C-alpha atoms as a PDB file:
ATOM      1  CA  MET A   1     115.482  84.955  76.793  1.00  0.00           C
ATOM      2  CA  GLY A   2     114.727  88.646  77.243  1.00  0.00           C
ATOM      3  CA  THR A   3     114.040  91.860  75.365  1.00  0.00           C
ATOM      4  CA  PRO A   4     114.048  95.301  77.081  1.00  0.00           C
ATOM      5  CA  ASP A   5     116.584  97.204  79.182  1.00  0.00           C
ATOM      6  CA  PHE A   6     115.433  95.344  82.299  1.00  0.00           C
ATOM      7  CA  SER A   7     116.889  92.123  80.847  1.00  0.00           C
ATOM      8  CA  VAL A   8     120.364  93.455  80.020  1.00  0.00           C
ATOM      9  CA  PRO A   9     121.883  93.319  83.541  1.00  0.00           C
ATOM     10  CA  VAL A  10     120.850  89.655  83.702  1.00  0.00           C
ATOM     11  CA  LEU A  11     122.689  88.845  80.464  1.00  0.00           C
ATOM     12  CA  ASP A  12     125.762  90.686  81.742  1.00  0.00           C
ATOM     13  CA  ALA A  13     125.624  88.868  85.090  1.00  0.00           C
ATOM     14  CA  LEU A  14     125.317  85.436  83.459  1.00  0.00           C
ATOM     15  CA  THR A  15     128.255  86.018  81.156  1.00  0.00           C
ATOM     16  CA  GLY A  16     130.258  87.611  83.969  1.00  0.00           C
ATOM     17  CA  ALA A  17     129.668  84.538  86.146  1.00  0.00           C
ATOM     18  CA  GLY A  18     131.142  82.336  83.427  1.00  0.00           C
ATOM     19  CA  HIS A  19     127.972  80.591  82.286  1.00  0.00           C
ATOM     20  CA  ASP A  20     127.990  79.227  78.738  1.00  0.00           C
ATOM     21  CA  ILE A  21     125.205  81.052  76.877  1.00  0.00           C
ATOM     22  CA  ALA A  22     124.066  78.632  74.177  1.00  0.00           C
ATOM     23  CA  ALA A  23     121.902  81.305  72.517  1.00  0.00           C
ATOM     24  CA  VAL A  24     120.143  84.584  73.251  1.00  0.00           C
ATOM     25  CA  TYR A  25     116.452  84.751  72.334  1.00  0.00           C
ATOM     26  CA  THR A  26     114.828  88.172  72.011  1.00  0.00           C
ATOM     27  CA  GLN A  27     111.947  89.918  70.245  1.00  0.00           C
ATOM     28  CA  PRO A  28     112.553  90.742  66.557  1.00  0.00           C
ATOM     29  CA  PRO A  29     113.702  94.270  65.614  1.00  0.00           C
ATOM     30  CA  ARG A  30     110.786  96.733  65.529  1.00  0.00           C
ATOM     31  CA  PRO A  31     110.284 100.075  63.736  1.00  0.00           C
ATOM     32  CA  ALA A  32     111.315 102.915  66.033  1.00  0.00           C
ATOM     33  CA  GLY A  33     112.331 106.567  65.970  1.00  0.00           C
ATOM     34  CA  ARG A  34     111.295 109.264  63.533  1.00  0.00           C
ATOM     35  CA  GLY A  35     112.444 107.259  60.536  1.00  0.00           C
ATOM     36  CA  LYS A  36     110.589 104.145  61.732  1.00  0.00           C
ATOM     37  CA  ARG A  37     113.598 102.011  60.923  1.00  0.00           C
ATOM     38  CA  ASP A  38     113.872  98.564  62.429  1.00  0.00           C
ATOM     39  CA  ARG A  39     115.713  98.786  65.750  1.00  0.00           C
ATOM     40  CA  PRO A  40     117.044  95.747  67.608  1.00  0.00           C
ATOM     41  CA  SER A  41     115.997  95.230  71.213  1.00  0.00           C
ATOM     42  CA  ALA A  42     118.275  96.238  74.089  1.00  0.00           C
ATOM     43  CA  VAL A  43     119.126  92.579  74.673  1.00  0.00           C
ATOM     44  CA  HIS A  44     119.830  92.025  70.970  1.00  0.00           C
ATOM     45  CA  ALA A  45     122.258  94.961  70.935  1.00  0.00           C
ATOM     46  CA  ARG A  46     124.076  93.797  74.064  1.00  0.00           C
ATOM     47  CA  ALA A  47     124.263  90.177  72.907  1.00  0.00           C
ATOM     48  CA  ASN A  48     125.739  91.371  69.628  1.00  0.00           C
ATOM     49  CA  GLU A  49     128.425  93.297  71.542  1.00  0.00           C
ATOM     50  CA  LEU A  50     129.212  90.131  73.497  1.00  0.00           C
ATOM     51  CA  GLY A  51     129.477  88.051  70.313  1.00  0.00           C
ATOM     52  CA  LEU A  52     126.667  85.687  71.306  1.00  0.00           C
ATOM     53  CA  THR A  53     124.335  83.710  69.049  1.00  0.00           C
ATOM     54  CA  ILE A  54     121.073  85.661  68.642  1.00  0.00           C
ATOM     55  CA  ARG A  55     117.684  84.320  67.628  1.00  0.00           C
ATOM     56  CA  HIS A  56     114.461  86.282  67.331  1.00  0.00           C
ATOM     57  CA  PRO A  57     111.520  84.157  66.211  1.00  0.00           C
ATOM     58  CA  LEU A  58     108.158  85.894  65.915  1.00  0.00           C
ATOM     59  CA  ASN A  59     106.726  83.137  68.108  1.00  0.00           C
ATOM     60  CA  PHE A  60     107.222  79.446  68.724  1.00  0.00           C
ATOM     61  CA  ARG A  61     104.363  78.179  66.595  1.00  0.00           C
ATOM     62  CA  SER A  62     106.832  76.920  64.009  1.00  0.00           C
ATOM     63  CA  GLU A  63     107.999  73.354  64.498  1.00  0.00           C
ATOM     64  CA  THR A  64     111.417  74.435  63.226  1.00  0.00           C
ATOM     65  CA  ASP A  65     111.762  77.130  65.920  1.00  0.00           C
ATOM     66  CA  ARG A  66     110.792  74.673  68.653  1.00  0.00           C
ATOM     67  CA  ALA A  67     113.166  72.035  67.308  1.00  0.00           C
ATOM     68  CA  ASP A  68     116.027  74.542  67.063  1.00  0.00           C
ATOM     69  CA  PHE A  69     115.485  75.499  70.684  1.00  0.00           C
ATOM     70  CA  ALA A  70     115.463  71.888  71.864  1.00  0.00           C
ATOM     71  CA  ALA A  71     118.587  71.143  69.818  1.00  0.00           C
ATOM     72  CA  LEU A  72     120.583  73.581  71.975  1.00  0.00           C
ATOM     73  CA  GLY A  73     120.641  70.940  74.696  1.00  0.00           C
ATOM     74  CA  ALA A  74     120.538  73.668  77.343  1.00  0.00           C
ATOM     75  CA  ASP A  75     120.621  72.882  81.047  1.00  0.00           C
ATOM     76  CA  VAL A  76     118.299  75.781  81.814  1.00  0.00           C
ATOM     77  CA  ALA A  77     116.606  78.726  80.110  1.00  0.00           C
ATOM     78  CA  VAL A  78     116.684  82.055  81.964  1.00  0.00           C
ATOM     79  CA  VAL A  79     113.644  84.137  81.007  1.00  0.00           C
ATOM     80  CA  VAL A  80     113.254  87.800  81.955  1.00  0.00           C
ATOM     81  CA  ALA A  81     110.774  90.190  80.301  1.00  0.00           C
ATOM     82  CA  TYR A  82     110.954  88.228  77.057  1.00  0.00           C
ATOM     83  CA  GLY A  83     107.476  89.167  75.853  1.00  0.00           C
ATOM     84  CA  LEU A  84     106.470  85.888  74.223  1.00  0.00           C
ATOM     85  CA  ILE A  85     104.315  83.064  75.582  1.00  0.00           C
ATOM     86  CA  LEU A  86     106.358  79.858  75.645  1.00  0.00           C
ATOM     87  CA  PRO A  87     104.563  76.651  74.653  1.00  0.00           C
ATOM     88  CA  GLN A  88     104.851  73.588  76.886  1.00  0.00           C
ATOM     89  CA  GLU A  89     107.276  71.955  74.476  1.00  0.00           C
ATOM     90  CA  VAL A  90     109.694  74.861  74.958  1.00  0.00           C
ATOM     91  CA  LEU A  91     109.182  74.991  78.735  1.00  0.00           C
ATOM     92  CA  GLU A  92     110.178  71.331  78.976  1.00  0.00           C
ATOM     93  CA  ALA A  93     113.113  71.388  76.542  1.00  0.00           C
ATOM     94  CA  PRO A  94     115.956  72.462  78.901  1.00  0.00           C
ATOM     95  CA  ARG A  95     117.105  69.768  81.335  1.00  0.00           C
ATOM     96  CA  LEU A  96     116.142  71.893  84.357  1.00  0.00           C
ATOM     97  CA  GLY A  97     113.308  73.765  82.680  1.00  0.00           C
ATOM     98  CA  CYS A  98     112.798  77.525  82.312  1.00  0.00           C
ATOM     99  CA  LEU A  99     113.453  79.935  85.181  1.00  0.00           C
ATOM    100  CA  ASN A 100     111.720  83.311  85.152  1.00  0.00           C
ATOM    101  CA  ILE A 101     112.905  86.452  86.935  1.00  0.00           C
ATOM    102  CA  HIS A 102     109.767  88.291  88.032  1.00  0.00           C
ATOM    103  CA  ALA A 103     109.792  91.789  89.536  1.00  0.00           C
ATOM    104  CA  SER A 104     107.316  91.298  92.378  1.00  0.00           C
ATOM    105  CA  LEU A 105     106.724  89.174  95.450  1.00  0.00           C
ATOM    106  CA  LEU A 106     104.503  86.534  93.920  1.00  0.00           C
ATOM    107  CA  PRO A 107     101.594  85.836  93.993  1.00  0.00           C
ATOM    108  CA  ARG A 108     101.117  89.607  94.249  1.00  0.00           C
ATOM    109  CA  TRP A 109     101.384  91.382  90.890  1.00  0.00           C
ATOM    110  CA  ARG A 110     101.479  88.568  88.390  1.00  0.00           C
ATOM    111  CA  GLY A 111     101.460  89.917  84.847  1.00  0.00           C
ATOM    112  CA  ALA A 112     102.906  92.610  82.634  1.00  0.00           C
ATOM    113  CA  ALA A 113     103.403  95.700  84.836  1.00  0.00           C
ATOM    114  CA  PRO A 114     104.348  94.637  88.373  1.00  0.00           C
ATOM    115  CA  ILE A 115     106.638  97.598  89.092  1.00  0.00           C
ATOM    116  CA  HIS A 116     104.127 100.236  87.976  1.00  0.00           C
ATOM    117  CA  ARG A 117     101.277  98.568  89.858  1.00  0.00           C
ATOM    118  CA  ALA A 118     103.208  98.173  93.108  1.00  0.00           C
ATOM    119  CA  ILE A 119     103.930 101.906  93.287  1.00  0.00           C
ATOM    120  CA  MET A 120     100.458 102.931  92.113  1.00  0.00           C
ATOM    121  CA  ALA A 121      98.883 100.705  94.786  1.00  0.00           C
ATOM    122  CA  GLY A 122     101.005 102.270  97.516  1.00  0.00           C
ATOM    123  CA  ASP A 123     102.988  99.121  98.318  1.00  0.00           C
ATOM    124  CA  THR A 124     105.931  99.759 100.635  1.00  0.00           C
ATOM    125  CA  VAL A 125     107.795  96.553  99.776  1.00  0.00           C
ATOM    126  CA  THR A 126     108.395  94.569  96.599  1.00  0.00           C
ATOM    127  CA  GLY A 127     111.151  92.309  95.335  1.00  0.00           C
ATOM    128  CA  ILE A 128     112.336  89.653  92.932  1.00  0.00           C
ATOM    129  CA  CYS A 129     111.143  86.077  92.581  1.00  0.00           C
ATOM    130  CA  ILE A 130     112.976  83.344  90.690  1.00  0.00           C
ATOM    131  CA  MET A 131     110.155  81.115  89.479  1.00  0.00           C
ATOM    132  CA  GLN A 132     109.961  77.758  87.732  1.00  0.00           C
ATOM    133  CA  MET A 133     107.848  78.485  84.669  1.00  0.00           C
ATOM    134  CA  GLU A 134     104.672  76.580  83.870  1.00  0.00           C
ATOM    135  CA  ALA A 135     101.745  77.120  81.495  1.00  0.00           C
ATOM    136  CA  GLY A 136      99.890  79.623  83.735  1.00  0.00           C
ATOM    137  CA  LEU A 137     100.722  83.344  83.809  1.00  0.00           C
ATOM    138  CA  ASP A 138     103.372  83.745  86.536  1.00  0.00           C
ATOM    139  CA  THR A 139     101.805  80.916  88.551  1.00  0.00           C
ATOM    140  CA  GLY A 140     104.795  78.576  88.809  1.00  0.00           C
ATOM    141  CA  PRO A 141     106.518  77.572  92.063  1.00  0.00           C
ATOM    142  CA  VAL A 142     109.078  79.996  93.497  1.00  0.00           C
ATOM    143  CA  LEU A 143     112.707  78.929  94.006  1.00  0.00           C
ATOM    144  CA  LEU A 144     114.091  82.144  95.532  1.00  0.00           C
ATOM    145  CA  ARG A 145     112.636  85.458  96.656  1.00  0.00           C
ATOM    146  CA  CYS A 146     114.306  88.658  97.782  1.00  0.00           C
ATOM    147  CA  GLU A 147     112.520  91.679  99.260  1.00  0.00           C
ATOM    148  CA  THR A 148     113.351  95.379  98.978  1.00  0.00           C
ATOM    149  CA  GLN A 149     111.666  98.490 100.335  1.00  0.00           C
ATOM    150  CA  ILE A 150     110.017 100.982  97.974  1.00  0.00           C
ATOM    151  CA  GLY A 151     111.196 104.521  98.714  1.00  0.00           C
ATOM    152  CA  ALA A 152     108.595 107.143  99.646  1.00  0.00           C
ATOM    153  CA  GLU A 153     109.524 109.238  96.573  1.00  0.00           C
ATOM    154  CA  GLU A 154     110.769 106.423  94.312  1.00  0.00           C
ATOM    155  CA  THR A 155     109.549 106.305  90.711  1.00  0.00           C
ATOM    156  CA  THR A 156     108.953 103.261  88.527  1.00  0.00           C
ATOM    157  CA  GLY A 157     112.096 104.114  86.557  1.00  0.00           C
ATOM    158  CA  GLU A 158     114.252 104.180  89.683  1.00  0.00           C
ATOM    159  CA  LEU A 159     112.742 101.001  91.112  1.00  0.00           C
ATOM    160  CA  HIS A 160     113.048  99.317  87.692  1.00  0.00           C
ATOM    161  CA  ASP A 161     116.823  99.837  87.725  1.00  0.00           C
ATOM    162  CA  ARG A 162     117.209  98.562  91.288  1.00  0.00           C
ATOM    163  CA  LEU A 163     115.131  95.457  90.599  1.00  0.00           C
ATOM    164  CA  ALA A 164     117.020  94.733  87.363  1.00  0.00           C
ATOM    165  CA  ALA A 165     120.274  94.615  89.320  1.00  0.00           C
ATOM    166  CA  LEU A 166     118.654  92.594  92.099  1.00  0.00           C
ATOM    167  CA  GLY A 167     117.231  90.121  89.577  1.00  0.00           C
ATOM    168  CA  ALA A 168     120.649  89.662  87.998  1.00  0.00           C
ATOM    169  CA  ALA A 169     122.189  88.865  91.388  1.00  0.00           C
ATOM    170  CA  GLN A 170     119.383  86.509  92.386  1.00  0.00           C
ATOM    171  CA  ILE A 171     119.443  84.429  89.194  1.00  0.00           C
ATOM    172  CA  CYS A 172     123.181  83.897  89.607  1.00  0.00           C
ATOM    173  CA  ALA A 173     122.594  82.823  93.206  1.00  0.00           C
ATOM    174  CA  ALA A 174     119.847  80.451  92.084  1.00  0.00           C
ATOM    175  CA  LEU A 175     121.940  78.872  89.342  1.00  0.00           C
ATOM    176  CA  GLU A 176     124.759  78.137  91.800  1.00  0.00           C
ATOM    177  CA  ARG A 177     122.479  75.683  93.626  1.00  0.00           C
ATOM    178  CA  VAL A 178     119.554  75.206  91.277  1.00  0.00           C
ATOM    179  CA  GLU A 179     119.417  71.436  91.677  1.00  0.00           C
ATOM    180  CA  ARG A 180     119.224  71.772  95.473  1.00  0.00           C
ATOM    181  CA  LEU A 181     116.522  74.434  95.645  1.00  0.00           C
ATOM    182  CA  VAL A 182     113.055  73.315  96.744  1.00  0.00           C
ATOM    183  CA  PRO A 183     110.260  74.915  94.656  1.00  0.00           C
ATOM    184  CA  GLN A 184     107.567  76.506  96.831  1.00  0.00           C
ATOM    185  CA  PRO A 185     104.075  76.469  95.264  1.00  0.00           C
ATOM    186  CA  GLN A 186     102.351  79.838  95.127  1.00  0.00           C
ATOM    187  CA  ALA A 187      99.243  80.352  97.234  1.00  0.00           C
ATOM    188  CA  ASP A 188      96.171  81.637  95.424  1.00  0.00           C
ATOM    189  CA  GLU A 189      95.440  83.866  98.419  1.00  0.00           C
ATOM    190  CA  GLY A 190      96.851  87.340  97.854  1.00  0.00           C
ATOM    191  CA  ALA A 191      97.191  86.927  94.085  1.00  0.00           C
ATOM    192  CA  ARG A 192      96.760  90.151  92.116  1.00  0.00           C
ATOM    193  CA  TYR A 193      97.134  90.786  88.406  1.00  0.00           C
ATOM    194  CA  ALA A 194      99.359  93.613  87.187  1.00  0.00           C
ATOM    195  CA  ALA A 195      97.517  94.646  84.034  1.00  0.00           C
ATOM    196  CA  LYS A 196      99.445  96.367  81.268  1.00  0.00           C
ATOM    197  CA  ILE A 197      99.429 100.146  81.667  1.00  0.00           C
ATOM    198  CA  ASP A 198      96.798 101.895  79.551  1.00  0.00           C
ATOM    199  CA  LYS A 199      97.628 105.452  78.459  1.00  0.00           C
ATOM    200  CA  ALA A 200      94.086 106.409  79.495  1.00  0.00           C
ATOM    201  CA  GLU A 201      95.277 106.012  83.102  1.00  0.00           C
ATOM    202  CA  ALA A 202      97.806 108.815  82.703  1.00  0.00           C
ATOM    203  CA  ARG A 203      95.644 111.973  82.874  1.00  0.00           C
ATOM    204  CA  ILE A 204      95.527 113.369  86.400  1.00  0.00           C
ATOM    205  CA  ASP A 205      92.183 113.945  88.086  1.00  0.00           C
ATOM    206  CA  TRP A 206      92.995 116.600  90.673  1.00  0.00           C
ATOM    207  CA  THR A 207      89.867 115.774  92.689  1.00  0.00           C
ATOM    208  CA  GLN A 208      91.576 112.602  93.874  1.00  0.00           C
ATOM    209  CA  GLY A 209      93.527 112.590  97.125  1.00  0.00           C
ATOM    210  CA  ALA A 210      97.159 113.681  97.259  1.00  0.00           C
ATOM    211  CA  ARG A 211      98.459 110.186  98.047  1.00  0.00           C
ATOM    212  CA  GLU A 212      96.649 108.670  95.065  1.00  0.00           C
ATOM    213  CA  ILE A 213      97.920 111.393  92.718  1.00  0.00           C
ATOM    214  CA  ASP A 214     101.485 111.106  94.030  1.00  0.00           C
ATOM    215  CA  ARG A 215     101.414 107.343  93.428  1.00  0.00           C
ATOM    216  CA  GLN A 216     100.032 107.888  89.938  1.00  0.00           C
ATOM    217  CA  ILE A 217     102.806 110.359  89.088  1.00  0.00           C
ATOM    218  CA  ARG A 218     105.611 108.188  90.468  1.00  0.00           C
ATOM    219  CA  GLY A 219     104.097 104.932  89.197  1.00  0.00           C
ATOM    220  CA  LEU A 220     103.825 106.174  85.607  1.00  0.00           C
ATOM    221  CA  SER A 221     107.279 107.774  85.521  1.00  0.00           C
ATOM    222  CA  PRO A 222     109.036 107.782  83.119  1.00  0.00           C
ATOM    223  CA  PHE A 223     106.554 105.984  80.832  1.00  0.00           C
ATOM    224  CA  PRO A 224     103.916 106.734  79.793  1.00  0.00           C
ATOM    225  CA  GLY A 225     104.089 109.704  82.168  1.00  0.00           C
ATOM    226  CA  ALA A 226     101.150 111.088  84.144  1.00  0.00           C
ATOM    227  CA  TRP A 227     100.042 114.407  82.671  1.00  0.00           C
ATOM    228  CA  THR A 228      97.965 117.503  83.122  1.00  0.00           C
ATOM    229  CA  THR A 229      97.524 120.772  81.239  1.00  0.00           C
ATOM    230  CA  ILE A 230      99.229 124.007  82.267  1.00  0.00           C
ATOM    231  CA  CYS A 231      97.994 127.115  80.479  1.00  0.00           C
ATOM    232  CA  GLY A 232      96.565 124.906  77.739  1.00  0.00           C
ATOM    233  CA  GLN A 233      99.769 122.916  77.186  1.00  0.00           C
ATOM    234  CA  ARG A 234     100.075 119.232  77.990  1.00  0.00           C
ATOM    235  CA  VAL A 235     102.846 118.608  80.521  1.00  0.00           C
ATOM    236  CA  LYS A 236     104.127 115.313  81.904  1.00  0.00           C
ATOM    237  CA  LEU A 237     104.653 115.133  85.663  1.00  0.00           C
ATOM    238  CA  LEU A 238     107.500 112.736  86.455  1.00  0.00           C
ATOM    239  CA  ALA A 239     108.286 113.140  90.159  1.00  0.00           C
ATOM    240  CA  SER A 240     106.392 114.447  93.175  1.00  0.00           C
ATOM    241  CA  ARG A 241     105.956 114.281  96.923  1.00  0.00           C
ATOM    242  CA  VAL A 242     102.986 114.584  99.269  1.00  0.00           C
ATOM    243  CA  VAL A 243     103.023 117.867 101.231  1.00  0.00           C
ATOM    244  CA  SER A 244     100.645 119.836 103.423  1.00  0.00           C
ATOM    245  CA  GLY A 245      98.260 122.260 101.780  1.00  0.00           C
ATOM    246  CA  GLU A 246      94.641 122.676 100.782  1.00  0.00           C
ATOM    247  CA  GLY A 247      92.585 124.480  98.198  1.00  0.00           C
ATOM    248  CA  ALA A 248      90.392 123.915  95.176  1.00  0.00           C
ATOM    249  CA  PRO A 249      91.619 120.745  93.367  1.00  0.00           C
ATOM    250  CA  GLY A 250      94.270 121.573  90.757  1.00  0.00           C
ATOM    251  CA  THR A 251      95.036 125.033  92.148  1.00  0.00           C
ATOM    252  CA  VAL A 252      98.673 126.192  92.369  1.00  0.00           C
ATOM    253  CA  LEU A 253      99.248 127.083  96.025  1.00  0.00           C
ATOM    254  CA  ASP A 254     102.710 128.678  95.915  1.00  0.00           C
ATOM    255  CA  GLU A 255     105.825 129.421  93.855  1.00  0.00           C
ATOM    256  CA  ALA A 256     107.232 125.922  94.527  1.00  0.00           C
ATOM    257  CA  LEU A 257     104.628 124.097  92.396  1.00  0.00           C
ATOM    258  CA  THR A 258     102.555 122.852  95.304  1.00  0.00           C
ATOM    259  CA  ILE A 259      99.214 121.766  93.848  1.00  0.00           C
ATOM    260  CA  ALA A 260      95.990 121.280  95.804  1.00  0.00           C
ATOM    261  CA  CYS A 261      94.277 117.914  95.434  1.00  0.00           C
ATOM    262  CA  GLY A 262      90.880 116.617  96.510  1.00  0.00           C
ATOM    263  CA  THR A 263      92.466 116.138  99.928  1.00  0.00           C
ATOM    264  CA  GLY A 264      95.947 117.429 100.732  1.00  0.00           C
ATOM    265  CA  ALA A 265      98.506 118.556  98.161  1.00  0.00           C
ATOM    266  CA  VAL A 266     101.466 117.392  96.102  1.00  0.00           C
ATOM    267  CA  GLN A 267     104.648 119.232  95.194  1.00  0.00           C
ATOM    268  CA  LEU A 268     105.803 118.679  91.618  1.00  0.00           C
ATOM    269  CA  LEU A 269     109.539 117.924  91.375  1.00  0.00           C
ATOM    270  CA  ARG A 270     110.222 117.005  87.713  1.00  0.00           C
ATOM    271  CA  LEU A 271     108.229 117.940  84.628  1.00  0.00           C
ATOM    272  CA  GLN A 272     108.446 117.670  80.858  1.00  0.00           C
ATOM    273  CA  ARG A 273     106.810 119.867  78.256  1.00  0.00           C
ATOM    274  CA  ALA A 274     106.008 118.373  74.851  1.00  0.00           C
ATOM    275  CA  GLY A 275     109.102 118.220  72.675  1.00  0.00           C
ATOM    276  CA  ARG A 276     111.412 119.230  75.536  1.00  0.00           C
ATOM    277  CA  GLY A 277     113.698 117.411  77.918  1.00  0.00           C
ATOM    278  CA  VAL A 278     112.913 116.547  81.528  1.00  0.00           C
ATOM    279  CA  GLN A 279     113.397 119.511  83.903  1.00  0.00           C
ATOM    280  CA  ASP A 280     113.378 119.917  87.653  1.00  0.00           C
ATOM    281  CA  ALA A 281     110.747 122.288  89.018  1.00  0.00           C
ATOM    282  CA  ALA A 282     113.016 125.348  89.279  1.00  0.00           C
ATOM    283  CA  GLU A 283     114.246 124.988  85.691  1.00  0.00           C
ATOM    284  CA  PHE A 284     110.704 124.403  84.418  1.00  0.00           C
ATOM    285  CA  LEU A 285     109.440 127.559  86.126  1.00  0.00           C
ATOM    286  CA  ARG A 286     112.143 129.682  84.509  1.00  0.00           C
ATOM    287  CA  GLY A 287     110.766 128.756  81.097  1.00  0.00           C
ATOM    288  CA  THR A 288     107.097 128.466  82.030  1.00  0.00           C
ATOM    289  CA  PRO A 289     105.960 130.868  84.768  1.00  0.00           C
ATOM    290  CA  VAL A 290     103.140 129.282  86.785  1.00  0.00           C
ATOM    291  CA  ALA A 291     101.332 131.824  88.939  1.00  0.00           C
ATOM    292  CA  LYS A 292      99.852 131.100  92.330  1.00  0.00           C
ATOM    293  CA  GLY A 293      96.114 130.565  91.966  1.00  0.00           C
ATOM    294  CA  LEU A 294      96.350 129.065  88.455  1.00  0.00           C
ATOM    295  CA  ALA A 295      94.154 126.003  87.921  1.00  0.00           C
ATOM    296  CA  LEU A 296      95.906 123.020  86.345  1.00  0.00           C
ATOM    297  CA  GLY A 297      94.004 120.631  84.100  1.00  0.00           C
ATOM    298  CA  ALA A 298      91.262 123.171  83.507  1.00  0.00           C
ATOM    299  CA  ASP A 299      91.673 123.263  79.696  1.00  0.00           C
END
């Protein structure tokens, strides 16, 4: 049971390990692209390539949908970024229940955006938890956990891909000995909620410190993308690093796109103008000269 790109490596790992996939549940096709035509989810597309049974109920309020799920007679349901709340009847239908792959070290960063929030908060370590699902939001007992360091310049997109692969490996490890694993209840101490990212969080306030701005840029990359204005044009900032430097907040300090912050400075590494592809700093500057002393975000 999964929907976006993050879920695809898990489906591949389960099939590669020889597990019998009774059915693949995913979100229904949604309008996308310029033509707003219905587009199947990443999991839907991959399951179709694998010749698996695909189901995409709007929700599980229908008695028929719940009965169809129970009729599968599954040993376990693997849930990863599915995007639907599962009622208790569904949680209890598989013989061994529903196992969720969550991209944080629970109880820290329960909720919708654990990868973004970990980077934006300045965490240096995160990981994957295999959790026995219950009615609460990411509150169930943990069966397995695996830690990984967050790189000093790592973006959400890069960490997303690493955690997707790690989650795929960990669920396979869990399923090999699922009936022997001892669930560990989560402590309430240290619990934090990873709220869904609001696009209003994306505009850069250059009066903030360099570390906060760097985390914002990396944490919101590639989506929705932190942004500022350069010569009146909105530009996404998709990679950065903290460097030495000082000046009025938002001021360009050199020809290498070092920008002064409230304290310290950041160097911009990847940018994207509206309607254009992502460019590294040198390529961006060839098409958009940015003079030393220019104030970003001033328009």
